[in-house]
Amino acid sequence: MKKLFDEIPCLRSGRLVLRRMEDRDADAIRALTASERVYRYLPTFLFEKRYSEPREMLRRLYGECFSAGESLILGVCRREDDGLCGLAEFYGYKDAIRKVSVGYRLLESAWGQGIATEALGLMIDYLYGETDIEIVTASTMIENLASANVLRKNGFSLVVHAVDEDWGYDAPTVADKWIR
């Protein structure tokens, strides 16, 4: 079994591809990061929000974050046209205990279509089927019911409800913790 950061995978289902992002995805990344509705439930410190220019973010993402084993972010794309509609992230990797956390965010135009559920399913299949990962966790703000439903549909269980997190906002963020 390989380690999570041995390669940048390309994961496929019937209608989605999770792949390394490229310069051609810059406009979709810009639209995603500009959406207040997309990011209202997400930490302020997310990597893609650190840079105003998406191409610079992409260069640093696969150079700094992936190489350091800090984060692996894949583009969530529709297989029919390879159009980027979101991001899928593996982060918080702990090799010693074979643990990683997962996250996802989609353009608003992709909401309500089962894309997050399908993308997370691909991520889980990859982690448990092709890597040595044994523990997968996730966090959600307690009011983000849509994300909680995506997690439940993929076999996650709520383990801690309403714990304070420091996600870079002025006050602690109340979050739920999930495990699969």
N, C-alpha and C. Protein backbone atom coordinates (compact mmCIF):
# COMPACT_ATOMS: atom_id res chain seq x y z
N MET A 1 0.83 -1.18 0.00
CA MET A 1 0.00 0.00 0.00
C MET A 1 0.88 1.25 0.00
N LYS A 2 0.45 2.24 -0.74
CA LYS A 2 1.23 3.48 -0.82
C LYS A 2 0.83 4.46 0.26
N LYS A 3 1.69 5.41 0.49
CA LYS A 3 1.42 6.52 1.41
C LYS A 3 0.61 7.58 0.65
N LEU A 4 -0.12 8.37 1.39
CA LEU A 4 -0.99 9.38 0.77
C LEU A 4 -0.23 10.33 -0.15
N PHE A 5 0.98 10.74 0.22
CA PHE A 5 1.70 11.73 -0.57
C PHE A 5 2.75 11.11 -1.49
N ASP A 6 2.57 9.83 -1.85
CA ASP A 6 3.47 9.20 -2.83
C ASP A 6 3.20 9.70 -4.24
N GLU A 7 1.96 10.12 -4.52
CA GLU A 7 1.58 10.57 -5.87
C GLU A 7 0.37 11.49 -5.79
N ILE A 8 0.15 12.22 -6.86
CA ILE A 8 -1.09 12.99 -7.00
C ILE A 8 -2.02 12.12 -7.84
N PRO A 9 -3.05 11.57 -7.22
CA PRO A 9 -3.90 10.62 -7.95
C PRO A 9 -4.88 11.31 -8.91
N CYS A 10 -5.41 10.53 -9.80
CA CYS A 10 -6.52 10.93 -10.66
C CYS A 10 -7.61 9.89 -10.41
N LEU A 11 -8.73 10.33 -9.85
CA LEU A 11 -9.81 9.43 -9.45
C LEU A 11 -11.00 9.64 -10.37
N ARG A 12 -11.63 8.54 -10.79
CA ARG A 12 -12.74 8.65 -11.75
C ARG A 12 -13.96 7.86 -11.30
N SER A 13 -15.11 8.43 -11.58
CA SER A 13 -16.39 7.73 -11.43
C SER A 13 -17.13 7.90 -12.74
N GLY A 14 -18.38 7.51 -12.76
CA GLY A 14 -19.17 7.63 -13.98
C GLY A 14 -19.29 9.05 -14.50
N ARG A 15 -19.41 10.02 -13.60
CA ARG A 15 -19.59 11.40 -14.05
C ARG A 15 -18.56 12.39 -13.55
N LEU A 16 -17.64 11.96 -12.66
CA LEU A 16 -16.65 12.88 -12.11
C LEU A 16 -15.22 12.41 -12.33
N VAL A 17 -14.32 13.39 -12.32
CA VAL A 17 -12.89 13.14 -12.28
C VAL A 17 -12.32 14.05 -11.19
N LEU A 18 -11.56 13.49 -10.28
CA LEU A 18 -10.83 14.28 -9.29
C LEU A 18 -9.38 14.23 -9.73
N ARG A 19 -8.82 15.39 -10.08
CA ARG A 19 -7.51 15.43 -10.71
C ARG A 19 -6.70 16.63 -10.26
N ARG A 20 -5.42 16.56 -10.61
CA ARG A 20 -4.53 17.70 -10.38
C ARG A 20 -5.07 18.90 -11.16
N MET A 21 -5.13 20.03 -10.52
CA MET A 21 -5.61 21.23 -11.20
C MET A 21 -4.50 21.85 -12.03
N GLU A 22 -4.93 22.57 -13.07
CA GLU A 22 -4.00 23.17 -14.02
C GLU A 22 -4.38 24.63 -14.25
N ASP A 23 -3.54 25.35 -14.97
CA ASP A 23 -3.81 26.76 -15.26
C ASP A 23 -5.17 26.97 -15.92
N ARG A 24 -5.62 26.02 -16.71
CA ARG A 24 -6.92 26.16 -17.39
C ARG A 24 -8.09 26.21 -16.41
N ASP A 25 -7.85 25.84 -15.15
CA ASP A 25 -8.89 25.86 -14.13
C ASP A 25 -8.96 27.19 -13.38
N ALA A 26 -8.10 28.13 -13.74
CA ALA A 26 -7.97 29.38 -12.98
C ALA A 26 -9.28 30.15 -12.87
N ASP A 27 -10.05 30.27 -13.94
CA ASP A 27 -11.30 31.04 -13.87
C ASP A 27 -12.29 30.40 -12.91
N ALA A 28 -12.40 29.08 -12.94
CA ALA A 28 -13.32 28.39 -12.04
C ALA A 28 -12.86 28.53 -10.59
N ILE A 29 -11.55 28.46 -10.36
CA ILE A 29 -11.01 28.64 -9.00
C ILE A 29 -11.31 30.05 -8.51
N ARG A 30 -11.14 31.04 -9.39
CA ARG A 30 -11.43 32.43 -9.03
C ARG A 30 -12.90 32.58 -8.65
N ALA A 31 -13.80 31.99 -9.42
CA ALA A 31 -15.24 32.06 -9.13
C ALA A 31 -15.56 31.36 -7.81
N LEU A 32 -14.93 30.23 -7.57
CA LEU A 32 -15.17 29.49 -6.33
C LEU A 32 -14.73 30.29 -5.12
N THR A 33 -13.51 30.81 -5.14
CA THR A 33 -12.99 31.52 -3.97
C THR A 33 -13.66 32.88 -3.75
N ALA A 34 -14.29 33.41 -4.78
CA ALA A 34 -14.98 34.70 -4.65
C ALA A 34 -16.38 34.55 -4.05
N SER A 35 -16.88 33.33 -3.97
CA SER A 35 -18.25 33.12 -3.51
C SER A 35 -18.35 33.12 -1.99
N GLU A 36 -19.03 34.10 -1.45
CA GLU A 36 -19.25 34.16 0.00
C GLU A 36 -20.14 33.02 0.46
N ARG A 37 -21.06 32.59 -0.37
CA ARG A 37 -21.95 31.48 0.01
C ARG A 37 -21.18 30.17 0.11
N VAL A 38 -20.19 29.97 -0.74
CA VAL A 38 -19.39 28.75 -0.69
C VAL A 38 -18.54 28.73 0.57
N TYR A 39 -17.93 29.86 0.90
CA TYR A 39 -16.95 29.90 1.99
C TYR A 39 -17.53 30.30 3.35
N ARG A 40 -18.84 30.49 3.45
CA ARG A 40 -19.40 30.90 4.74
C ARG A 40 -19.23 29.85 5.82
N TYR A 41 -19.11 28.57 5.42
CA TYR A 41 -18.95 27.50 6.40
C TYR A 41 -17.52 26.99 6.50
N LEU A 42 -16.58 27.67 5.85
CA LEU A 42 -15.22 27.14 5.75
C LEU A 42 -14.21 28.03 6.46
N PRO A 43 -13.12 27.44 6.94
CA PRO A 43 -12.09 28.22 7.62
C PRO A 43 -11.52 29.33 6.75
N THR A 44 -11.09 30.39 7.38
CA THR A 44 -10.52 31.52 6.65
C THR A 44 -9.11 31.22 6.13
N PHE A 45 -8.45 30.21 6.70
CA PHE A 45 -7.05 29.96 6.37
C PHE A 45 -6.85 28.95 5.24
N LEU A 46 -7.89 28.56 4.54
CA LEU A 46 -7.74 27.57 3.47
C LEU A 46 -6.72 28.04 2.43
N PHE A 47 -5.95 27.09 1.92
CA PHE A 47 -4.84 27.41 1.04
C PHE A 47 -5.26 28.24 -0.17
N GLU A 48 -6.35 27.87 -0.80
CA GLU A 48 -6.74 28.56 -2.04
C GLU A 48 -7.16 30.00 -1.80
N LYS A 49 -7.40 30.38 -0.56
CA LYS A 49 -7.77 31.75 -0.25
C LYS A 49 -6.55 32.64 0.07
N ARG A 50 -5.37 32.06 0.13
CA ARG A 50 -4.17 32.83 0.49
C ARG A 50 -3.64 33.70 -0.65
N TYR A 51 -4.00 33.37 -1.86
CA TYR A 51 -3.42 34.05 -3.03
C TYR A 51 -4.54 34.60 -3.90
N SER A 52 -4.38 35.85 -4.33
CA SER A 52 -5.41 36.46 -5.17
C SER A 52 -5.37 35.94 -6.60
N GLU A 53 -4.23 35.44 -7.02
CA GLU A 53 -4.07 34.93 -8.38
C GLU A 53 -4.10 33.39 -8.36
N PRO A 54 -5.11 32.78 -8.97
CA PRO A 54 -5.23 31.31 -8.94
C PRO A 54 -4.02 30.57 -9.50
N ARG A 55 -3.38 31.10 -10.53
CA ARG A 55 -2.21 30.40 -11.09
C ARG A 55 -1.06 30.33 -10.08
N GLU A 56 -0.90 31.39 -9.30
CA GLU A 56 0.12 31.39 -8.25
C GLU A 56 -0.26 30.37 -7.18
N MET A 57 -1.52 30.32 -6.82
CA MET A 57 -1.99 29.34 -5.85
C MET A 57 -1.68 27.93 -6.34
N LEU A 58 -1.94 27.65 -7.60
CA LEU A 58 -1.70 26.30 -8.15
C LEU A 58 -0.21 25.94 -8.11
N ARG A 59 0.63 26.89 -8.47
CA ARG A 59 2.08 26.63 -8.44
C ARG A 59 2.53 26.27 -7.02
N ARG A 60 2.05 27.02 -6.06
CA ARG A 60 2.45 26.79 -4.67
C ARG A 60 1.78 25.55 -4.08
N LEU A 61 0.57 25.30 -4.49
CA LEU A 61 -0.19 24.17 -3.96
C LEU A 61 0.54 22.85 -4.16
N TYR A 62 0.95 22.59 -5.38
CA TYR A 62 1.59 21.30 -5.65
C TYR A 62 3.09 21.34 -5.37
N GLY A 63 3.64 22.52 -5.20
CA GLY A 63 5.04 22.64 -4.81
C GLY A 63 5.17 22.57 -3.30
N GLU A 64 4.58 23.54 -2.61
CA GLU A 64 4.71 23.62 -1.16
C GLU A 64 3.89 22.58 -0.41
N CYS A 65 2.59 22.63 -0.58
CA CYS A 65 1.69 21.82 0.24
C CYS A 65 1.85 20.33 -0.02
N PHE A 66 1.85 19.93 -1.26
CA PHE A 66 1.96 18.50 -1.56
C PHE A 66 3.34 17.98 -1.18
N SER A 67 4.37 18.68 -1.58
CA SER A 67 5.74 18.23 -1.29
C SER A 67 6.01 18.10 0.20
N ALA A 68 5.41 18.96 0.99
CA ALA A 68 5.61 18.93 2.44
C ALA A 68 4.68 17.93 3.14
N GLY A 69 3.77 17.31 2.37
CA GLY A 69 2.82 16.39 2.97
C GLY A 69 1.79 17.08 3.84
N GLU A 70 1.55 18.36 3.53
CA GLU A 70 0.61 19.16 4.32
C GLU A 70 -0.82 19.04 3.81
N SER A 71 -0.99 19.08 2.49
CA SER A 71 -2.32 19.09 1.92
C SER A 71 -2.27 18.60 0.48
N LEU A 72 -3.29 17.88 0.09
CA LEU A 72 -3.45 17.44 -1.29
C LEU A 72 -4.83 17.88 -1.73
N ILE A 73 -4.88 18.83 -2.66
CA ILE A 73 -6.16 19.33 -3.16
C ILE A 73 -6.30 18.94 -4.62
N LEU A 74 -7.40 18.29 -4.92
CA LEU A 74 -7.71 17.89 -6.30
C LEU A 74 -8.89 18.70 -6.81
N GLY A 75 -8.91 18.92 -8.11
CA GLY A 75 -10.05 19.56 -8.73
C GLY A 75 -11.16 18.54 -8.92
N VAL A 76 -12.38 18.91 -8.58
CA VAL A 76 -13.55 18.07 -8.84
C VAL A 76 -14.10 18.54 -10.18
N CYS A 77 -14.08 17.64 -11.17
CA CYS A 77 -14.47 18.01 -12.53
C CYS A 77 -15.55 17.09 -13.05
N ARG A 78 -16.42 17.67 -13.87
CA ARG A 78 -17.44 16.87 -14.55
C ARG A 78 -16.74 16.12 -15.67
N ARG A 79 -16.96 14.85 -15.74
CA ARG A 79 -16.29 14.02 -16.74
C ARG A 79 -16.69 14.41 -18.16
N GLU A 80 -17.92 14.84 -18.34
CA GLU A 80 -18.44 15.15 -19.68
C GLU A 80 -17.67 16.26 -20.39
N ASP A 81 -17.21 17.28 -19.62
CA ASP A 81 -16.51 18.40 -20.25
C ASP A 81 -15.21 18.78 -19.53
N ASP A 82 -14.84 18.04 -18.50
CA ASP A 82 -13.65 18.29 -17.69
C ASP A 82 -13.68 19.65 -17.02
N GLY A 83 -14.88 20.22 -16.88
CA GLY A 83 -15.01 21.53 -16.24
C GLY A 83 -14.91 21.43 -14.73
N LEU A 84 -14.06 22.27 -14.14
CA LEU A 84 -13.87 22.27 -12.70
C LEU A 84 -15.11 22.82 -12.02
N CYS A 85 -15.65 22.06 -11.07
CA CYS A 85 -16.82 22.52 -10.33
C CYS A 85 -16.59 22.53 -8.83
N GLY A 86 -15.35 22.19 -8.40
CA GLY A 86 -15.08 22.24 -6.98
C GLY A 86 -13.71 21.71 -6.63
N LEU A 87 -13.47 21.60 -5.31
CA LEU A 87 -12.20 21.13 -4.78
C LEU A 87 -12.44 19.99 -3.81
N ALA A 88 -11.52 19.03 -3.79
CA ALA A 88 -11.54 17.93 -2.83
C ALA A 88 -10.20 17.94 -2.13
N GLU A 89 -10.20 17.93 -0.80
CA GLU A 89 -8.96 18.12 -0.06
C GLU A 89 -8.71 16.99 0.94
N PHE A 90 -7.46 16.57 0.99
CA PHE A 90 -6.93 15.68 2.02
C PHE A 90 -5.96 16.55 2.82
N TYR A 91 -6.13 16.63 4.13
CA TYR A 91 -5.27 17.50 4.95
C TYR A 91 -5.13 16.90 6.35
N GLY A 92 -4.25 17.50 7.15
CA GLY A 92 -4.07 17.03 8.51
C GLY A 92 -3.51 15.62 8.59
N TYR A 93 -2.68 15.26 7.64
CA TYR A 93 -2.13 13.91 7.53
C TYR A 93 -1.22 13.59 8.72
N LYS A 94 -1.47 12.45 9.34
CA LYS A 94 -0.65 11.95 10.45
C LYS A 94 -0.18 10.55 10.09
N ASP A 95 1.03 10.47 9.54
CA ASP A 95 1.56 9.19 9.06
C ASP A 95 1.66 8.16 10.18
N ALA A 96 2.09 8.57 11.36
CA ALA A 96 2.31 7.64 12.47
C ALA A 96 1.05 6.87 12.85
N ILE A 97 -0.12 7.50 12.70
CA ILE A 97 -1.37 6.81 13.04
C ILE A 97 -2.24 6.56 11.81
N ARG A 98 -1.68 6.83 10.63
CA ARG A 98 -2.37 6.59 9.35
C ARG A 98 -3.74 7.26 9.30
N LYS A 99 -3.73 8.56 9.59
CA LYS A 99 -4.96 9.35 9.67
C LYS A 99 -4.88 10.55 8.73
N VAL A 100 -6.02 10.91 8.18
CA VAL A 100 -6.14 12.12 7.36
C VAL A 100 -7.55 12.68 7.51
N SER A 101 -7.67 13.97 7.31
CA SER A 101 -8.97 14.63 7.29
C SER A 101 -9.32 14.95 5.84
N VAL A 102 -10.61 15.04 5.57
CA VAL A 102 -11.07 15.34 4.22
C VAL A 102 -12.01 16.54 4.24
N GLY A 103 -12.07 17.22 3.10
CA GLY A 103 -12.97 18.35 2.93
C GLY A 103 -13.31 18.51 1.47
N TYR A 104 -14.30 19.31 1.18
CA TYR A 104 -14.76 19.53 -0.18
C TYR A 104 -15.51 20.85 -0.24
N ARG A 105 -15.47 21.48 -1.38
CA ARG A 105 -16.25 22.68 -1.63
C ARG A 105 -16.56 22.75 -3.11
N LEU A 106 -17.77 23.17 -3.41
CA LEU A 106 -18.25 23.20 -4.79
C LEU A 106 -18.74 24.58 -5.18
N LEU A 107 -18.62 24.87 -6.47
CA LEU A 107 -19.27 26.05 -7.02
C LEU A 107 -20.77 25.93 -6.74
N GLU A 108 -21.43 27.04 -6.52
CA GLU A 108 -22.87 27.00 -6.24
C GLU A 108 -23.66 26.32 -7.35
N SER A 109 -23.21 26.44 -8.59
CA SER A 109 -23.92 25.82 -9.71
C SER A 109 -23.88 24.29 -9.64
N ALA A 110 -23.02 23.73 -8.79
CA ALA A 110 -22.93 22.27 -8.64
C ALA A 110 -23.64 21.75 -7.39
N TRP A 111 -24.23 22.64 -6.61
CA TRP A 111 -24.91 22.23 -5.38
C TRP A 111 -26.18 21.44 -5.71
N GLY A 112 -26.53 20.53 -4.83
CA GLY A 112 -27.79 19.80 -4.93
C GLY A 112 -27.85 18.75 -6.02
N GLN A 113 -26.71 18.35 -6.54
CA GLN A 113 -26.68 17.36 -7.63
C GLN A 113 -25.99 16.06 -7.22
N GLY A 114 -25.63 15.92 -5.95
CA GLY A 114 -24.96 14.72 -5.49
C GLY A 114 -23.47 14.68 -5.81
N ILE A 115 -22.94 15.80 -6.29
CA ILE A 115 -21.52 15.83 -6.69
C ILE A 115 -20.61 15.71 -5.47
N ALA A 116 -20.91 16.42 -4.38
CA ALA A 116 -20.08 16.32 -3.18
C ALA A 116 -20.10 14.90 -2.63
N THR A 117 -21.27 14.29 -2.61
CA THR A 117 -21.39 12.91 -2.12
C THR A 117 -20.57 11.96 -2.97
N GLU A 118 -20.65 12.11 -4.26
CA GLU A 118 -19.90 11.24 -5.18
C GLU A 118 -18.40 11.49 -5.09
N ALA A 119 -18.01 12.76 -5.00
CA ALA A 119 -16.58 13.08 -4.88
C ALA A 119 -16.01 12.52 -3.59
N LEU A 120 -16.73 12.69 -2.48
CA LEU A 120 -16.26 12.15 -1.21
C LEU A 120 -16.18 10.63 -1.27
N GLY A 121 -17.12 10.00 -1.93
CA GLY A 121 -17.06 8.55 -2.10
C GLY A 121 -15.80 8.11 -2.84
N LEU A 122 -15.44 8.84 -3.88
CA LEU A 122 -14.18 8.56 -4.60
C LEU A 122 -12.98 8.71 -3.68
N MET A 123 -12.98 9.76 -2.87
CA MET A 123 -11.89 10.01 -1.95
C MET A 123 -11.75 8.86 -0.95
N ILE A 124 -12.87 8.43 -0.38
CA ILE A 124 -12.87 7.36 0.61
C ILE A 124 -12.40 6.05 -0.02
N ASP A 125 -12.92 5.73 -1.21
CA ASP A 125 -12.48 4.51 -1.91
C ASP A 125 -10.98 4.53 -2.16
N TYR A 126 -10.45 5.66 -2.55
CA TYR A 126 -9.01 5.79 -2.79
C TYR A 126 -8.24 5.60 -1.49
N LEU A 127 -8.64 6.29 -0.44
CA LEU A 127 -7.91 6.22 0.83
C LEU A 127 -7.86 4.80 1.37
N TYR A 128 -9.01 4.14 1.44
CA TYR A 128 -9.05 2.79 2.02
C TYR A 128 -8.64 1.70 1.05
N GLY A 129 -8.74 1.96 -0.24
CA GLY A 129 -8.42 0.93 -1.22
C GLY A 129 -7.01 0.96 -1.77
N GLU A 130 -6.39 2.16 -1.78
CA GLU A 130 -5.09 2.27 -2.43
C GLU A 130 -3.98 2.84 -1.54
N THR A 131 -4.34 3.34 -0.36
CA THR A 131 -3.31 3.88 0.53
C THR A 131 -3.34 3.13 1.86
N ASP A 132 -2.39 3.45 2.72
CA ASP A 132 -2.34 2.80 4.04
C ASP A 132 -3.15 3.55 5.10
N ILE A 133 -3.97 4.51 4.70
CA ILE A 133 -4.79 5.27 5.64
C ILE A 133 -5.80 4.34 6.33
N GLU A 134 -5.92 4.52 7.65
CA GLU A 134 -6.87 3.72 8.43
C GLU A 134 -7.95 4.55 9.11
N ILE A 135 -7.68 5.86 9.28
CA ILE A 135 -8.63 6.73 9.96
C ILE A 135 -8.89 7.96 9.09
N VAL A 136 -10.15 8.24 8.82
CA VAL A 136 -10.53 9.42 8.04
C VAL A 136 -11.50 10.24 8.88
N THR A 137 -11.18 11.54 9.01
CA THR A 137 -12.02 12.43 9.81
C THR A 137 -12.46 13.63 8.96
N ALA A 138 -13.43 14.35 9.48
CA ALA A 138 -13.91 15.58 8.84
C ALA A 138 -14.47 16.48 9.93
N SER A 139 -14.57 17.77 9.62
CA SER A 139 -15.17 18.75 10.52
C SER A 139 -16.18 19.57 9.74
N THR A 140 -17.27 19.95 10.41
CA THR A 140 -18.25 20.83 9.80
C THR A 140 -18.72 21.85 10.83
N MET A 141 -19.06 23.04 10.35
CA MET A 141 -19.76 23.96 11.24
C MET A 141 -21.13 23.34 11.53
N ILE A 142 -21.64 23.53 12.73
CA ILE A 142 -22.86 22.84 13.11
C ILE A 142 -24.07 23.25 12.24
N GLU A 143 -24.03 24.44 11.70
CA GLU A 143 -25.16 24.88 10.86
C GLU A 143 -25.06 24.40 9.41
N ASN A 144 -23.95 23.76 9.04
CA ASN A 144 -23.78 23.29 7.67
C ASN A 144 -24.39 21.90 7.51
N LEU A 145 -25.71 21.86 7.45
CA LEU A 145 -26.44 20.60 7.39
C LEU A 145 -26.20 19.84 6.09
N ALA A 146 -25.99 20.56 5.00
CA ALA A 146 -25.74 19.89 3.71
C ALA A 146 -24.45 19.07 3.77
N SER A 147 -23.40 19.64 4.35
CA SER A 147 -22.14 18.92 4.46
C SER A 147 -22.27 17.74 5.42
N ALA A 148 -23.01 17.91 6.50
CA ALA A 148 -23.26 16.81 7.43
C ALA A 148 -23.95 15.66 6.71
N ASN A 149 -24.90 15.97 5.84
CA ASN A 149 -25.61 14.93 5.08
C ASN A 149 -24.67 14.20 4.13
N VAL A 150 -23.77 14.93 3.48
CA VAL A 150 -22.78 14.31 2.60
C VAL A 150 -21.93 13.32 3.39
N LEU A 151 -21.50 13.73 4.57
CA LEU A 151 -20.69 12.85 5.41
C LEU A 151 -21.48 11.59 5.81
N ARG A 152 -22.71 11.77 6.26
CA ARG A 152 -23.53 10.62 6.66
C ARG A 152 -23.72 9.65 5.50
N LYS A 153 -24.00 10.17 4.31
CA LYS A 153 -24.19 9.32 3.13
C LYS A 153 -22.95 8.51 2.80
N ASN A 154 -21.79 8.98 3.24
CA ASN A 154 -20.53 8.27 2.98
C ASN A 154 -20.03 7.50 4.21
N GLY A 155 -20.92 7.23 5.14
CA GLY A 155 -20.59 6.35 6.25
C GLY A 155 -19.87 6.99 7.43
N PHE A 156 -19.85 8.32 7.51
CA PHE A 156 -19.22 9.00 8.64
C PHE A 156 -20.19 9.02 9.82
N SER A 157 -19.62 9.01 11.02
CA SER A 157 -20.40 9.12 12.25
C SER A 157 -19.96 10.37 13.00
N LEU A 158 -20.93 11.05 13.57
CA LEU A 158 -20.64 12.22 14.40
C LEU A 158 -20.05 11.74 15.72
N VAL A 159 -18.87 12.25 16.07
CA VAL A 159 -18.23 11.80 17.31
C VAL A 159 -18.17 12.89 18.37
N VAL A 160 -18.13 14.16 17.97
CA VAL A 160 -18.14 15.27 18.92
C VAL A 160 -19.01 16.37 18.32
N HIS A 161 -19.97 16.84 19.11
CA HIS A 161 -20.88 17.90 18.65
C HIS A 161 -20.53 19.21 19.34
N ALA A 162 -20.49 20.26 18.55
CA ALA A 162 -20.39 21.64 19.05
C ALA A 162 -19.14 21.91 19.88
N VAL A 163 -17.99 21.66 19.30
CA VAL A 163 -16.73 21.96 19.96
C VAL A 163 -16.15 23.24 19.35
N ASP A 164 -15.51 24.05 20.16
CA ASP A 164 -14.90 25.28 19.66
C ASP A 164 -13.64 24.97 18.85
N GLU A 165 -13.52 25.59 17.67
CA GLU A 165 -12.36 25.45 16.79
C GLU A 165 -11.81 26.84 16.48
N ASP A 166 -10.53 26.94 16.28
CA ASP A 166 -9.92 28.19 15.84
C ASP A 166 -9.71 28.08 14.33
N TRP A 167 -10.67 28.59 13.58
CA TRP A 167 -10.61 28.53 12.12
C TRP A 167 -10.27 29.89 11.52
N GLY A 168 -9.69 30.77 12.32
CA GLY A 168 -9.23 32.04 11.79
C GLY A 168 -10.25 33.15 11.82
N TYR A 169 -11.40 32.93 12.44
CA TYR A 169 -12.39 33.99 12.58
C TYR A 169 -12.14 34.77 13.87
N ASP A 170 -12.87 35.86 14.08
CA ASP A 170 -12.68 36.69 15.27
C ASP A 170 -12.95 35.91 16.56
N ALA A 171 -13.92 35.04 16.52
CA ALA A 171 -14.26 34.23 17.69
C ALA A 171 -14.15 32.75 17.30
N PRO A 172 -14.05 31.87 18.28
CA PRO A 172 -13.99 30.43 17.94
C PRO A 172 -15.22 30.02 17.12
N THR A 173 -15.02 29.05 16.25
CA THR A 173 -16.09 28.50 15.42
C THR A 173 -16.61 27.23 16.08
N VAL A 174 -17.90 27.11 16.21
CA VAL A 174 -18.49 25.90 16.78
C VAL A 174 -18.62 24.87 15.66
N ALA A 175 -17.97 23.71 15.86
CA ALA A 175 -17.90 22.70 14.81
C ALA A 175 -18.26 21.31 15.35
N ASP A 176 -18.66 20.46 14.43
CA ASP A 176 -18.87 19.05 14.71
C ASP A 176 -17.70 18.26 14.14
N LYS A 177 -17.34 17.16 14.81
CA LYS A 177 -16.25 16.29 14.38
C LYS A 177 -16.83 14.95 13.95
N TRP A 178 -16.33 14.45 12.83
CA TRP A 178 -16.84 13.23 12.22
C TRP A 178 -15.69 12.25 12.01
N ILE A 179 -16.02 10.95 12.00
CA ILE A 179 -15.02 9.92 11.70
C ILE A 179 -15.67 8.82 10.86
N ARG A 180 -14.82 8.19 10.05
CA ARG A 180 -15.30 7.06 9.24
C ARG A 180 -14.36 5.90 9.46
